[in-house]
Amino acid sequence: MKTQNNYAVITGATSGIGYELAKLFAEDGYNLVIVGRREDTLNTTAAQLRSYGIDVKIIVKDLFDPQNATDVYEQVRQSGIEVGVLVNDAGQGLYGEFTETDINRELAIINLNIASLVILTKHFLKDMVTRGEGKILNLSSIASKAPGPYQSVYHGTKAFVQSFTEAINNEVRETGVTITALLPGATDTDFFNKANMNEAKIVQEGKLDDAAKVAKDGYEALMKGDDMVVSGFKNKVNVAMSNVLPDSVAANNMRKQQEPVNNDSSKQ
């Protein structure tokens, strides 16, 4: 059992993979701090998670604004709780050709997917290294392993997350702290709806992975201290292919998966 003061901080915990991860932590006796933009949704989620007999605190902050990531850390620090695990799950994408998408939305996504993740990791990691123990799980993606036409900014942010996670995990390898990257593929969450991506071939014609299974893969890898885990056999194959194919070929393969189902161009 975890100590009474041992908490996991989870962003994006109100839905999808983040929610499934929160349940796994709750089942294992962790107290939780869940972070999100909507107080009503956080309260509903917290009530569900408290049924596991744990303490759940909520922090209402919009992580599209990186300053709020610092505020989250300060609020947690001032509460005096000990954070044993940080899960950076919150993230979004935006679908469409880069020349036509909204740059302000893309900059906000960069702030959420990269800046806020880096800020939270920086603050909590320093505390963990000082104590000589702790775990961090960063939500990467198989998108980190290949350029992504129609999702160029999202794939770019996940490439950053993957490289960043592997680098700092190497830096702290002698400290008692481990940092794990979870690489899901296309998963049955609200991601595609938020990204305006429901017309993409991968959504219309593909079989989406189960969020609970992805979360279980990530949770088990985190607890073992693995540096990364690719969830699902087909995703492992895709990553292996991306690692050996030229980027131009990998990008074209990704384009075929992500183009709109009514798009007849660029089939070569």
Protein backbone atom coordinates (compact mmCIF):
# COMPACT_ATOMS: atom_id res chain seq x y z
CA MET A 1 0.00 0.00 0.00
CA LYS A 2 1.10 3.55 -0.66
CA THR A 3 1.77 5.95 2.20
CA GLN A 4 -1.06 8.29 3.10
CA ASN A 5 0.86 11.28 1.75
CA ASN A 6 1.95 9.70 -1.54
CA TYR A 7 0.16 11.31 -4.47
CA ALA A 8 0.14 11.00 -8.23
CA VAL A 9 -0.44 14.22 -10.17
CA ILE A 10 -2.27 13.55 -13.45
CA THR A 11 -3.11 16.02 -16.19
CA GLY A 12 -5.83 15.06 -18.66
CA ALA A 13 -7.35 12.71 -16.09
CA THR A 14 -11.02 13.37 -16.86
CA SER A 15 -11.23 11.29 -20.05
CA GLY A 16 -9.51 8.82 -22.33
CA ILE A 17 -6.12 7.35 -21.45
CA GLY A 18 -5.64 9.79 -18.58
CA TYR A 19 -8.85 8.68 -16.89
CA GLU A 20 -7.97 5.02 -17.31
CA LEU A 21 -4.54 5.72 -15.81
CA ALA A 22 -6.16 7.53 -12.88
CA LYS A 23 -8.28 4.46 -12.15
CA LEU A 24 -5.21 2.23 -12.16
CA PHE A 25 -3.43 4.49 -9.69
CA ALA A 26 -6.54 4.60 -7.52
CA GLU A 27 -6.82 0.80 -7.55
CA ASP A 28 -3.20 0.62 -6.40
CA GLY A 29 -3.85 2.93 -3.45
CA TYR A 30 -2.40 6.18 -4.73
CA ASN A 31 -3.99 9.44 -3.72
CA LEU A 32 -4.51 11.74 -6.69
CA VAL A 33 -4.25 15.33 -7.80
CA ILE A 34 -6.11 15.73 -11.09
CA VAL A 35 -5.68 18.82 -13.25
CA GLY A 36 -8.05 20.14 -15.89
CA ARG A 37 -9.85 23.17 -17.31
CA ARG A 38 -13.41 22.44 -16.19
CA GLU A 39 -14.31 22.36 -12.52
CA ASP A 40 -17.57 20.46 -13.09
CA THR A 41 -15.84 17.69 -15.03
CA LEU A 42 -13.04 17.48 -12.47
CA ASN A 43 -15.54 17.21 -9.62
CA THR A 44 -17.44 14.43 -11.38
CA THR A 45 -14.23 12.52 -12.06
CA ALA A 46 -12.98 13.06 -8.51
CA ALA A 47 -16.20 11.65 -7.08
CA GLN A 48 -15.82 8.53 -9.22
CA LEU A 49 -12.20 8.05 -8.18
CA ARG A 50 -12.92 8.56 -4.48
CA SER A 51 -15.01 5.39 -4.60
CA TYR A 52 -11.67 3.54 -4.49
CA GLY A 53 -11.14 4.85 -0.96
CA ILE A 54 -8.45 7.38 -1.82
CA ASP A 55 -8.09 11.13 -1.48
CA VAL A 56 -8.57 13.11 -4.69
CA LYS A 57 -7.74 16.78 -4.99
CA ILE A 58 -8.64 18.86 -8.03
CA ILE A 59 -6.78 21.79 -9.58
CA VAL A 60 -8.66 23.88 -12.13
CA LYS A 61 -6.06 25.23 -14.55
CA ASP A 62 -5.91 25.66 -18.33
CA LEU A 63 -2.56 24.23 -19.42
CA PHE A 64 -2.83 25.87 -22.84
CA ASP A 65 -1.30 28.76 -20.86
CA PRO A 66 2.17 27.58 -19.69
CA GLN A 67 2.13 29.94 -16.70
CA ASN A 68 -0.64 27.79 -15.31
CA ALA A 69 1.73 24.81 -15.25
CA THR A 70 3.95 26.68 -12.81
CA ASP A 71 0.85 27.61 -10.82
CA VAL A 72 -0.12 23.92 -10.61
CA TYR A 73 3.26 23.04 -9.15
CA GLU A 74 3.12 25.91 -6.66
CA GLN A 75 -0.37 24.93 -5.55
CA VAL A 76 0.72 21.33 -5.01
CA ARG A 77 3.89 22.41 -3.18
CA GLN A 78 2.02 24.77 -0.89
CA SER A 79 -0.43 22.00 0.03
CA GLY A 80 2.48 20.07 1.54
CA ILE A 81 1.72 16.79 -0.18
CA GLU A 82 4.45 14.48 -1.45
CA VAL A 83 4.22 13.69 -5.16
CA GLY A 84 5.52 10.24 -5.99
CA VAL A 85 4.34 10.19 -9.60
CA LEU A 86 3.70 12.80 -12.29
CA VAL A 87 1.65 11.84 -15.35
CA ASN A 88 1.72 14.34 -18.22
CA ASP A 89 -1.26 13.10 -20.21
CA ALA A 90 -2.94 16.33 -21.37
CA GLY A 91 -2.47 16.99 -25.07
CA GLN A 92 -4.33 17.90 -28.24
CA GLY A 93 -3.92 17.88 -31.99
CA LEU A 94 -5.33 19.77 -34.96
CA TYR A 95 -6.21 18.17 -38.28
CA GLY A 96 -5.74 19.69 -41.70
CA GLU A 97 -3.18 20.97 -44.17
CA PHE A 98 -0.77 23.35 -42.47
CA THR A 99 -1.43 26.17 -44.95
CA GLU A 100 -5.11 26.12 -43.97
CA THR A 101 -5.08 25.48 -40.21
CA ASP A 102 -5.34 28.10 -37.45
CA ILE A 103 -1.88 29.19 -36.31
CA ASN A 104 -3.19 30.48 -32.98
CA ARG A 105 -4.71 27.10 -32.21
CA GLU A 106 -1.45 25.42 -33.22
CA LEU A 107 0.61 27.68 -30.97
CA ALA A 108 -1.75 26.88 -28.11
CA ILE A 109 -1.28 23.16 -28.81
CA ILE A 110 2.50 23.63 -28.75
CA ASN A 111 2.13 25.34 -25.38
CA LEU A 112 0.01 22.49 -24.03
CA ASN A 113 1.87 19.54 -25.52
CA ILE A 114 5.39 20.89 -24.99
CA ALA A 115 5.74 23.97 -22.80
CA SER A 116 3.41 22.95 -19.97
CA LEU A 117 4.75 19.38 -20.03
CA VAL A 118 8.33 20.66 -19.76
CA ILE A 119 7.46 23.06 -16.93
CA LEU A 120 5.66 20.43 -14.87
CA THR A 121 8.43 17.92 -15.49
CA LYS A 122 11.13 20.44 -14.50
CA HIS A 123 9.55 21.33 -11.16
CA PHE A 124 8.45 17.90 -10.01
CA LEU A 125 11.58 16.16 -11.29
CA LYS A 126 13.84 18.45 -9.24
CA ASP A 127 11.92 17.52 -6.10
CA MET A 128 12.06 13.81 -6.96
CA VAL A 129 15.81 13.89 -7.59
CA THR A 130 16.34 15.67 -4.27
CA ARG A 131 14.40 12.89 -2.49
CA GLY A 132 16.06 10.16 -4.55
CA GLU A 133 12.81 8.60 -5.71
CA GLY A 134 9.89 9.21 -8.04
CA LYS A 135 8.36 8.34 -11.38
CA ILE A 136 7.19 10.38 -14.37
CA LEU A 137 5.03 9.14 -17.27
CA ASN A 138 4.93 11.33 -20.38
CA LEU A 139 2.33 10.64 -23.04
CA SER A 140 4.23 10.41 -26.27
CA SER A 141 2.76 8.67 -29.33
CA ILE A 142 3.75 6.55 -32.28
CA ALA A 143 3.28 9.92 -34.01
CA SER A 144 6.65 10.80 -32.49
CA LYS A 145 8.34 8.31 -34.80
CA ALA A 146 7.18 9.60 -38.20
CA PRO A 147 6.30 12.91 -39.87
CA GLY A 148 2.54 13.38 -39.97
CA PRO A 149 0.92 15.08 -42.95
CA TYR A 150 -2.44 16.57 -41.92
CA GLN A 151 -1.17 16.57 -38.31
CA SER A 152 2.20 18.23 -38.79
CA VAL A 153 2.23 20.22 -35.56
CA TYR A 154 0.92 17.37 -33.40
CA HIS A 155 3.51 14.93 -34.73
CA GLY A 156 6.18 17.56 -34.22
CA THR A 157 5.19 18.07 -30.59
CA LYS A 158 5.24 14.35 -29.91
CA ALA A 159 8.67 14.01 -31.53
CA PHE A 160 9.83 16.61 -29.03
CA VAL A 161 8.19 14.82 -26.11
CA GLN A 162 9.81 11.52 -27.07
CA SER A 163 13.31 12.95 -27.50
CA PHE A 164 13.00 15.07 -24.36
CA THR A 165 11.78 12.14 -22.25
CA GLU A 166 14.54 9.80 -23.40
CA ALA A 167 17.19 12.48 -22.78
CA ILE A 168 16.21 13.41 -19.24
CA ASN A 169 15.61 9.78 -18.31
CA ASN A 170 19.24 9.19 -19.23
CA GLU A 171 20.35 12.18 -17.17
CA VAL A 172 18.66 10.99 -13.98
CA ARG A 173 19.35 7.28 -14.34
CA GLU A 174 21.54 7.17 -11.20
CA THR A 175 19.16 9.17 -9.00
CA GLY A 176 16.41 6.69 -8.18
CA VAL A 177 13.96 8.49 -10.48
CA THR A 178 12.61 6.94 -13.69
CA ILE A 179 10.89 8.64 -16.62
CA THR A 180 8.79 6.61 -19.02
CA ALA A 181 7.35 7.49 -22.42
CA LEU A 182 4.05 5.85 -23.41
CA LEU A 183 3.54 5.58 -27.17
CA PRO A 184 -0.08 4.77 -28.07
CA GLY A 185 -1.39 4.50 -31.59
CA ALA A 186 -4.84 5.64 -32.70
CA THR A 187 -6.94 5.15 -29.58
CA ASP A 188 -10.67 5.32 -28.94
CA THR A 189 -10.80 8.65 -27.08
CA ASP A 190 -12.16 12.14 -27.70
CA PHE A 191 -8.84 13.14 -29.30
CA PHE A 192 -10.07 12.90 -32.87
CA ASN A 193 -13.20 14.90 -32.18
CA LYS A 194 -11.21 17.69 -30.51
CA ALA A 195 -8.75 17.67 -33.41
CA ASN A 196 -11.57 17.91 -36.02
CA MET A 197 -10.21 14.66 -37.40
CA ASN A 198 -13.27 12.44 -37.64
CA GLU A 199 -13.10 12.35 -41.47
CA ALA A 200 -9.57 10.93 -41.51
CA LYS A 201 -9.14 7.46 -42.99
CA ILE A 202 -7.55 6.13 -39.79
CA VAL A 203 -10.74 7.04 -37.88
CA GLN A 204 -13.28 6.09 -40.56
CA GLU A 205 -11.69 2.80 -41.60
CA GLY A 206 -9.26 1.82 -38.86
CA LYS A 207 -9.74 -0.12 -35.63
CA LEU A 208 -9.04 2.16 -32.71
CA ASP A 209 -7.21 0.81 -29.68
CA ASP A 210 -8.88 0.51 -26.29
CA ALA A 211 -7.87 3.31 -23.90
CA ALA A 212 -7.93 0.97 -20.88
CA LYS A 213 -5.47 -1.41 -22.54
CA VAL A 214 -3.17 1.46 -23.50
CA ALA A 215 -3.27 2.79 -19.95
CA LYS A 216 -2.47 -0.64 -18.52
CA ASP A 217 0.56 -0.95 -20.80
CA GLY A 218 1.77 2.48 -19.72
CA TYR A 219 1.13 1.87 -16.03
CA GLU A 220 2.99 -1.43 -16.01
CA ALA A 221 5.95 0.07 -17.87
CA LEU A 222 6.03 3.01 -15.46
CA MET A 223 6.03 0.75 -12.42
CA LYS A 224 8.87 -1.35 -13.88
CA GLY A 225 10.89 1.78 -14.61
CA ASP A 226 11.02 1.17 -18.36
CA ASP A 227 12.19 4.07 -20.50
CA MET A 228 9.41 3.63 -23.06
CA VAL A 229 6.59 1.36 -24.14
CA VAL A 230 4.77 1.11 -27.46
CA SER A 231 1.21 -0.05 -26.79
CA GLY A 232 -0.15 -2.70 -29.15
CA PHE A 233 1.45 -5.12 -31.59
CA LYS A 234 0.49 -3.27 -34.77
CA ASN A 235 1.88 -0.07 -33.32
CA LYS A 236 5.15 -1.82 -32.47
CA VAL A 237 5.34 -2.89 -36.12
CA ASN A 238 4.63 0.64 -37.32
CA VAL A 239 7.34 2.09 -35.09
CA ALA A 240 9.83 -0.54 -36.23
CA MET A 241 9.09 0.32 -39.86
CA SER A 242 9.37 4.05 -39.20
CA ASN A 243 12.77 3.49 -37.63
CA VAL A 244 14.18 1.98 -40.82
CA LEU A 245 12.30 3.80 -43.57
CA PRO A 246 13.46 7.17 -44.96
CA ASP A 247 11.42 10.01 -43.46
CA SER A 248 9.94 10.81 -46.86
CA VAL A 249 8.55 7.30 -47.18
CA ALA A 250 7.31 7.24 -43.59
CA ALA A 251 5.58 10.58 -44.17
CA ASN A 252 3.85 9.29 -47.29
CA ASN A 253 2.70 6.16 -45.48
CA MET A 254 1.31 8.32 -42.68
CA ARG A 255 -0.41 10.58 -45.20
CA LYS A 256 -2.28 7.61 -46.65
CA GLN A 257 -3.55 6.73 -43.17
CA GLN A 258 -4.54 10.25 -42.20
CA GLU A 259 -5.90 11.81 -45.38
CA PRO A 260 -9.66 12.47 -45.56
CA VAL A 261 -11.62 9.50 -46.83
CA ASN A 262 -12.93 11.58 -49.76
CA ASN A 263 -9.46 12.81 -50.77
CA ASP A 264 -8.32 11.17 -54.02
CA SER A 265 -5.02 13.02 -54.32
CA SER A 266 -1.47 11.88 -53.49
CA LYS A 267 -2.12 8.17 -53.70
CA GLN A 268 1.36 7.43 -54.90
